[in-house]
Amino acid sequence: MGSVIDLMSSSGKMKIVTDAIKSAQMVDLLKSDGPFTVFAPIDLAVAQGPAGKFRDVRGDREQFQLLVKYHIVKGSYTTSLIQESLKKKNHLELETLCGKKLILKYSGFFRSHIKVNEASIVSSDLLADNGIVHTIDTVLFPP
């Protein structure tokens, strides 16, 4: 199966975020034991989003690493585990590798979609040996 970074690299829809992880020199971390949950923006999300802001941050290594770490959580959070937590309360807070929190909650008329901050999960439960990847439709910028 491979690591989460191997899974992302082999996908045709996560090239930009995979390149970002490489640029931020975080490949070794995402090849380690983990487990990790990665909320990975699909290429289309990066291309259609605030690309100027993404480019500006990319020029500052420390800020860029912070941005990349903001998409990664320690632990393996499957959709079913997230849904179980959301049934108990209206939101789930997950601490990212940069120490900032992501807020997961239901959205949609029938509470049929899960949002990560302002991003929607596009595809979920992409399993790797050391964790899980959920693709999202927006780049997440830390507060």
Protein backbone atom coordinates (compact mmCIF):
# COMPACT_ATOMS: atom_id res chain seq x y z
CA MET A 1 0.00 0.00 0.00
CA GLY A 2 2.71 2.52 0.95
CA SER A 3 2.78 5.66 3.04
CA VAL A 4 0.38 8.60 2.85
CA ILE A 5 2.92 10.51 0.75
CA ASP A 6 3.27 7.51 -1.60
CA LEU A 7 -0.52 7.38 -1.94
CA MET A 8 -0.70 11.10 -2.67
CA SER A 9 2.18 10.91 -5.16
CA SER A 10 0.52 8.11 -7.09
CA SER A 11 -2.76 10.00 -7.35
CA GLY A 12 -3.21 12.17 -10.40
CA LYS A 13 -5.17 14.73 -8.38
CA MET A 14 -2.73 15.71 -5.60
CA LYS A 15 0.43 16.69 -7.48
CA ILE A 16 0.57 20.28 -6.22
CA VAL A 17 0.17 19.35 -2.55
CA THR A 18 2.67 16.50 -2.95
CA ASP A 19 5.17 18.96 -4.46
CA ALA A 20 4.42 21.33 -1.56
CA ILE A 21 5.21 18.60 0.97
CA LYS A 22 8.49 17.92 -0.83
CA SER A 23 9.34 21.65 -0.91
CA ALA A 24 8.57 21.90 2.81
CA GLN A 25 10.96 18.96 3.36
CA MET A 26 8.31 16.86 5.10
CA VAL A 27 8.49 13.68 3.02
CA ASP A 28 10.43 11.75 5.68
CA LEU A 29 7.85 12.66 8.30
CA LEU A 30 5.00 11.39 6.14
CA LYS A 31 6.90 8.18 5.41
CA SER A 32 7.36 7.54 9.14
CA ASP A 33 5.13 5.28 11.23
CA GLY A 34 2.41 7.79 11.96
CA PRO A 35 -0.49 7.33 11.86
CA PHE A 36 -1.42 10.58 10.11
CA THR A 37 -4.59 11.99 8.66
CA VAL A 38 -3.95 14.34 5.75
CA PHE A 39 -6.59 16.72 4.46
CA ALA A 40 -5.11 17.17 0.99
CA PRO A 41 -6.35 19.88 -1.37
CA ILE A 42 -6.87 18.52 -4.87
CA ASP A 43 -4.95 20.26 -7.65
CA LEU A 44 -8.08 21.98 -8.93
CA ALA A 45 -8.64 23.52 -5.47
CA VAL A 46 -5.14 24.99 -5.42
CA ALA A 47 -5.45 26.25 -9.00
CA GLN A 48 -8.85 27.89 -8.40
CA GLY A 49 -8.14 29.15 -4.91
CA PRO A 50 -6.17 32.16 -3.74
CA ALA A 51 -3.10 31.10 -5.73
CA GLY A 52 -1.32 34.38 -5.10
CA LYS A 53 -1.54 33.81 -1.36
CA PHE A 54 -0.28 30.24 -1.82
CA ARG A 55 2.66 31.50 -3.94
CA ASP A 56 3.48 34.24 -1.41
CA VAL A 57 3.64 31.75 1.44
CA ARG A 58 5.72 29.33 -0.64
CA GLY A 59 8.52 31.94 -0.74
CA ASP A 60 8.82 31.87 3.07
CA ARG A 61 10.01 28.42 4.14
CA GLU A 62 8.82 28.72 7.76
CA GLN A 63 5.36 29.95 6.76
CA PHE A 64 5.17 27.33 4.02
CA GLN A 65 5.94 24.52 6.48
CA LEU A 66 3.26 25.94 8.78
CA LEU A 67 0.77 25.89 5.88
CA VAL A 68 1.61 22.28 4.99
CA LYS A 69 1.49 21.14 8.64
CA TYR A 70 -1.94 22.77 8.97
CA HIS A 71 -3.32 20.05 6.66
CA ILE A 72 -1.93 17.14 8.74
CA VAL A 73 -3.21 15.63 11.99
CA LYS A 74 -1.66 12.90 14.13
CA GLY A 75 -3.90 9.85 14.30
CA SER A 76 -6.10 8.03 11.84
CA TYR A 77 -9.51 9.67 11.43
CA THR A 78 -11.76 7.68 9.14
CA THR A 79 -15.08 9.07 7.98
CA SER A 80 -16.93 6.72 10.33
CA LEU A 81 -14.85 7.88 13.32
CA ILE A 82 -15.48 11.53 12.38
CA GLN A 83 -19.21 10.85 12.00
CA GLU A 84 -19.36 9.11 15.40
CA SER A 85 -17.76 12.17 17.00
CA LEU A 86 -20.10 14.55 15.17
CA LYS A 87 -23.14 12.63 16.43
CA LYS A 88 -22.04 13.33 20.01
CA LYS A 89 -21.53 17.05 19.46
CA ASN A 90 -21.86 19.49 16.58
CA HIS A 91 -18.19 19.74 15.76
CA LEU A 92 -14.87 17.96 16.13
CA GLU A 93 -11.65 19.84 16.82
CA LEU A 94 -8.42 18.24 15.61
CA GLU A 95 -4.99 19.62 16.43
CA THR A 96 -2.73 19.87 13.40
CA LEU A 97 1.02 19.31 13.32
CA CYS A 98 1.52 23.09 13.51
CA GLY A 99 -0.46 23.27 16.76
CA LYS A 100 -3.49 25.02 15.24
CA LYS A 101 -6.94 23.44 15.26
CA LEU A 102 -9.16 22.30 12.41
CA ILE A 103 -12.91 22.32 12.98
CA LEU A 104 -14.89 19.50 11.37
CA LYS A 105 -18.67 19.73 11.14
CA TYR A 106 -21.60 18.62 9.04
CA SER A 107 -22.98 20.79 6.26
CA GLY A 108 -25.73 20.47 3.71
CA PHE A 109 -29.47 20.30 4.10
CA PHE A 110 -29.41 16.71 5.35
CA ARG A 111 -26.05 17.06 7.13
CA SER A 112 -24.68 14.89 4.35
CA HIS A 113 -21.29 16.52 3.88
CA ILE A 114 -18.37 16.99 6.21
CA LYS A 115 -16.57 20.33 6.21
CA VAL A 116 -13.03 20.93 7.40
CA ASN A 117 -13.07 24.62 8.30
CA GLU A 118 -14.38 26.09 5.04
CA ALA A 119 -13.36 23.13 2.85
CA SER A 120 -15.57 20.22 1.83
CA ILE A 121 -14.25 16.68 1.78
CA VAL A 122 -14.26 15.54 -1.86
CA SER A 123 -13.14 11.94 -1.40
CA SER A 124 -12.53 10.18 1.86
CA ASP A 125 -10.87 7.20 3.47
CA LEU A 126 -7.94 6.80 1.07
CA LEU A 127 -6.00 4.31 3.17
CA ALA A 128 -2.22 4.05 3.44
CA ASP A 129 0.06 1.97 5.66
CA ASN A 130 0.69 4.89 8.01
CA GLY A 131 -2.62 6.72 7.91
CA ILE A 132 -5.41 8.08 5.81
CA VAL A 133 -5.97 10.84 3.24
CA HIS A 134 -9.15 12.82 2.68
CA THR A 135 -9.11 15.14 -0.32
CA ILE A 136 -10.62 18.60 0.10
CA ASP A 137 -11.75 21.31 -2.28
CA THR A 138 -9.94 24.28 -0.72
CA VAL A 139 -6.48 25.11 0.57
CA LEU A 140 -6.65 25.65 4.33
CA PHE A 141 -4.82 28.71 5.64
CA PRO A 142 -4.00 28.76 9.36
CA PRO A 143 -5.48 31.61 11.40
